[in-house]
C-alpha atoms as a PDB file:
ATOM      1  CA  MET A   1      78.087 122.294 129.130  1.00  0.00           C
ATOM      2  CA  SER A   2      76.756 119.060 127.412  1.00  0.00           C
ATOM      3  CA  ASN A   3      75.911 116.213 129.578  1.00  0.00           C
ATOM      4  CA  ARG A   4      77.400 113.891 126.835  1.00  0.00           C
ATOM      5  CA  GLU A   5      79.950 111.388 127.990  1.00  0.00           C
ATOM      6  CA  PRO A   6      83.347 112.079 126.326  1.00  0.00           C
ATOM      7  CA  PHE A   7      84.529 109.976 123.332  1.00  0.00           C
ATOM      8  CA  ALA A   8      87.326 107.886 124.686  1.00  0.00           C
ATOM      9  CA  TRP A   9      89.883 108.433 121.952  1.00  0.00           C
ATOM     10  CA  PRO A  10      92.643 105.607 121.337  1.00  0.00           C
ATOM     11  CA  LYS A  11      96.023 105.788 123.599  1.00  0.00           C
ATOM     12  CA  GLY A  12      98.455 108.095 121.557  1.00  0.00           C
ATOM     13  CA  LYS A  13      95.377 109.327 119.372  1.00  0.00           C
ATOM     14  CA  GLU A  14      94.088 112.166 121.603  1.00  0.00           C
ATOM     15  CA  PRO A  15      93.418 115.002 119.400  1.00  0.00           C
ATOM     16  CA  LYS A  16      95.538 117.936 120.948  1.00  0.00           C
ATOM     17  CA  SER A  17      93.084 120.563 119.941  1.00  0.00           C
ATOM     18  CA  LEU A  18      89.368 121.082 119.280  1.00  0.00           C
ATOM     19  CA  GLY A  19      90.143 121.668 115.699  1.00  0.00           C
ATOM     20  CA  GLU A  20      92.074 118.469 115.155  1.00  0.00           C
ATOM     21  CA  GLN A  21      89.463 116.560 116.919  1.00  0.00           C
ATOM     22  CA  LEU A  22      86.868 118.034 114.653  1.00  0.00           C
ATOM     23  CA  THR A  23      88.756 117.322 111.386  1.00  0.00           C
ATOM     24  CA  THR A  24      89.563 113.806 112.431  1.00  0.00           C
ATOM     25  CA  THR A  25      86.264 112.964 113.255  1.00  0.00           C
ATOM     26  CA  ILE A  26      84.670 114.377 109.870  1.00  0.00           C
ATOM     27  CA  ARG A  27      87.373 112.300 108.064  1.00  0.00           C
ATOM     28  CA  ALA A  28      86.050 109.033 110.089  1.00  0.00           C
ATOM     29  CA  ILE A  29      82.391 110.087 109.203  1.00  0.00           C
ATOM     30  CA  VAL A  30      83.860 110.521 105.183  1.00  0.00           C
ATOM     31  CA  LYS A  31      85.958 107.205 105.359  1.00  0.00           C
ATOM     32  CA  HIS A  32      82.965 105.406 106.426  1.00  0.00           C
ATOM     33  CA  ASN A  33      79.868 107.445 104.113  1.00  0.00           C
ATOM     34  CA  ALA A  34      81.752 108.266 100.897  1.00  0.00           C
ATOM     35  CA  SER A  35      78.776 109.999  99.405  1.00  0.00           C
ATOM     36  CA  LEU A  36      79.807 112.926 101.802  1.00  0.00           C
ATOM     37  CA  ALA A  37      83.550 113.065 100.353  1.00  0.00           C
ATOM     38  CA  GLY A  38      83.658 116.774  99.464  1.00  0.00           C
ATOM     39  CA  VAL A  39      80.794 117.824 101.117  1.00  0.00           C
ATOM     40  CA  ILE A  40      81.760 117.807 104.749  1.00  0.00           C
ATOM     41  CA  ASP A  41      85.415 117.447 104.747  1.00  0.00           C
ATOM     42  CA  ILE A  42      86.375 120.400 102.932  1.00  0.00           C
ATOM     43  CA  VAL A  43      87.723 122.365 105.927  1.00  0.00           C
ATOM     44  CA  ASP A  44      90.659 121.875 108.160  1.00  0.00           C
ATOM     45  CA  PHE A  45      89.508 123.023 111.432  1.00  0.00           C
ATOM     46  CA  ASN A  46      93.286 122.528 112.819  1.00  0.00           C
ATOM     47  CA  GLU A  47      94.530 124.534 110.000  1.00  0.00           C
ATOM     48  CA  THR A  48      97.265 127.367 110.433  1.00  0.00           C
ATOM     49  CA  ARG A  49      98.543 130.212 108.666  1.00  0.00           C
ATOM     50  CA  ASN A  50     101.582 132.259 109.574  1.00  0.00           C
ATOM     51  CA  GLY A  51     101.722 130.058 112.738  1.00  0.00           C
ATOM     52  CA  GLU A  52      98.515 130.915 114.008  1.00  0.00           C
ATOM     53  CA  ARG A  53      95.587 128.869 113.718  1.00  0.00           C
ATOM     54  CA  GLU A  54      92.895 130.045 111.183  1.00  0.00           C
ATOM     55  CA  ILE A  55      89.632 129.337 113.856  1.00  0.00           C
ATOM     56  CA  ARG A  56      90.526 129.254 117.494  1.00  0.00           C
ATOM     57  CA  ASP A  57      89.097 126.367 119.759  1.00  0.00           C
ATOM     58  CA  GLY A  58      87.250 129.222 121.487  1.00  0.00           C
ATOM     59  CA  THR A  59      85.319 129.829 118.062  1.00  0.00           C
ATOM     60  CA  LEU A  60      84.688 126.350 117.225  1.00  0.00           C
ATOM     61  CA  LYS A  61      83.293 125.813 120.670  1.00  0.00           C
ATOM     62  CA  ASP A  62      81.118 128.932 120.235  1.00  0.00           C
ATOM     63  CA  VAL A  63      79.668 127.499 117.254  1.00  0.00           C
ATOM     64  CA  ILE A  64      79.223 123.899 118.541  1.00  0.00           C
ATOM     65  CA  GLU A  65      77.289 125.061 121.554  1.00  0.00           C
ATOM     66  CA  LYS A  66      75.097 127.122 119.253  1.00  0.00           C
ATOM     67  CA  PHE A  67      74.197 124.134 117.151  1.00  0.00           C
ATOM     68  CA  SER A  68      73.835 122.018 120.201  1.00  0.00           C
ATOM     69  CA  ASP A  69      70.925 124.145 121.440  1.00  0.00           C
ATOM     70  CA  PRO A  70      67.704 122.206 121.602  1.00  0.00           C
ATOM     71  CA  ARG A  71      65.713 125.210 119.525  1.00  0.00           C
ATOM     72  CA  TYR A  72      67.408 124.318 116.821  1.00  0.00           C
ATOM     73  CA  GLY A  73      66.798 120.420 116.834  1.00  0.00           C
ATOM     74  CA  SER A  74      62.958 120.507 116.302  1.00  0.00           C
ATOM     75  CA  ALA A  75      63.520 121.200 112.207  1.00  0.00           C
ATOM     76  CA  CYS A  76      64.728 118.054 111.850  1.00  0.00           C
ATOM     77  CA  LYS A  77      62.139 116.015 113.780  1.00  0.00           C
ATOM     78  CA  THR A  78      59.630 114.617 111.544  1.00  0.00           C
END
């Protein structure tokens, strides 16, 4: 469980799923950092196929938790 404060989404814009939240957030990042277009925005984490989500929220949560592990942060420090 993260100690981060949850983001306050604008009223009526709250995502319905973690997949929608990730896709919306990544697209907002690309909107402000055009050099990332086609790099980080190539996946729709909320995509469905045959009525089912391609990537379940539980799976996304597990991946996020793994990458949030402090042991992986040391490679980025200078």
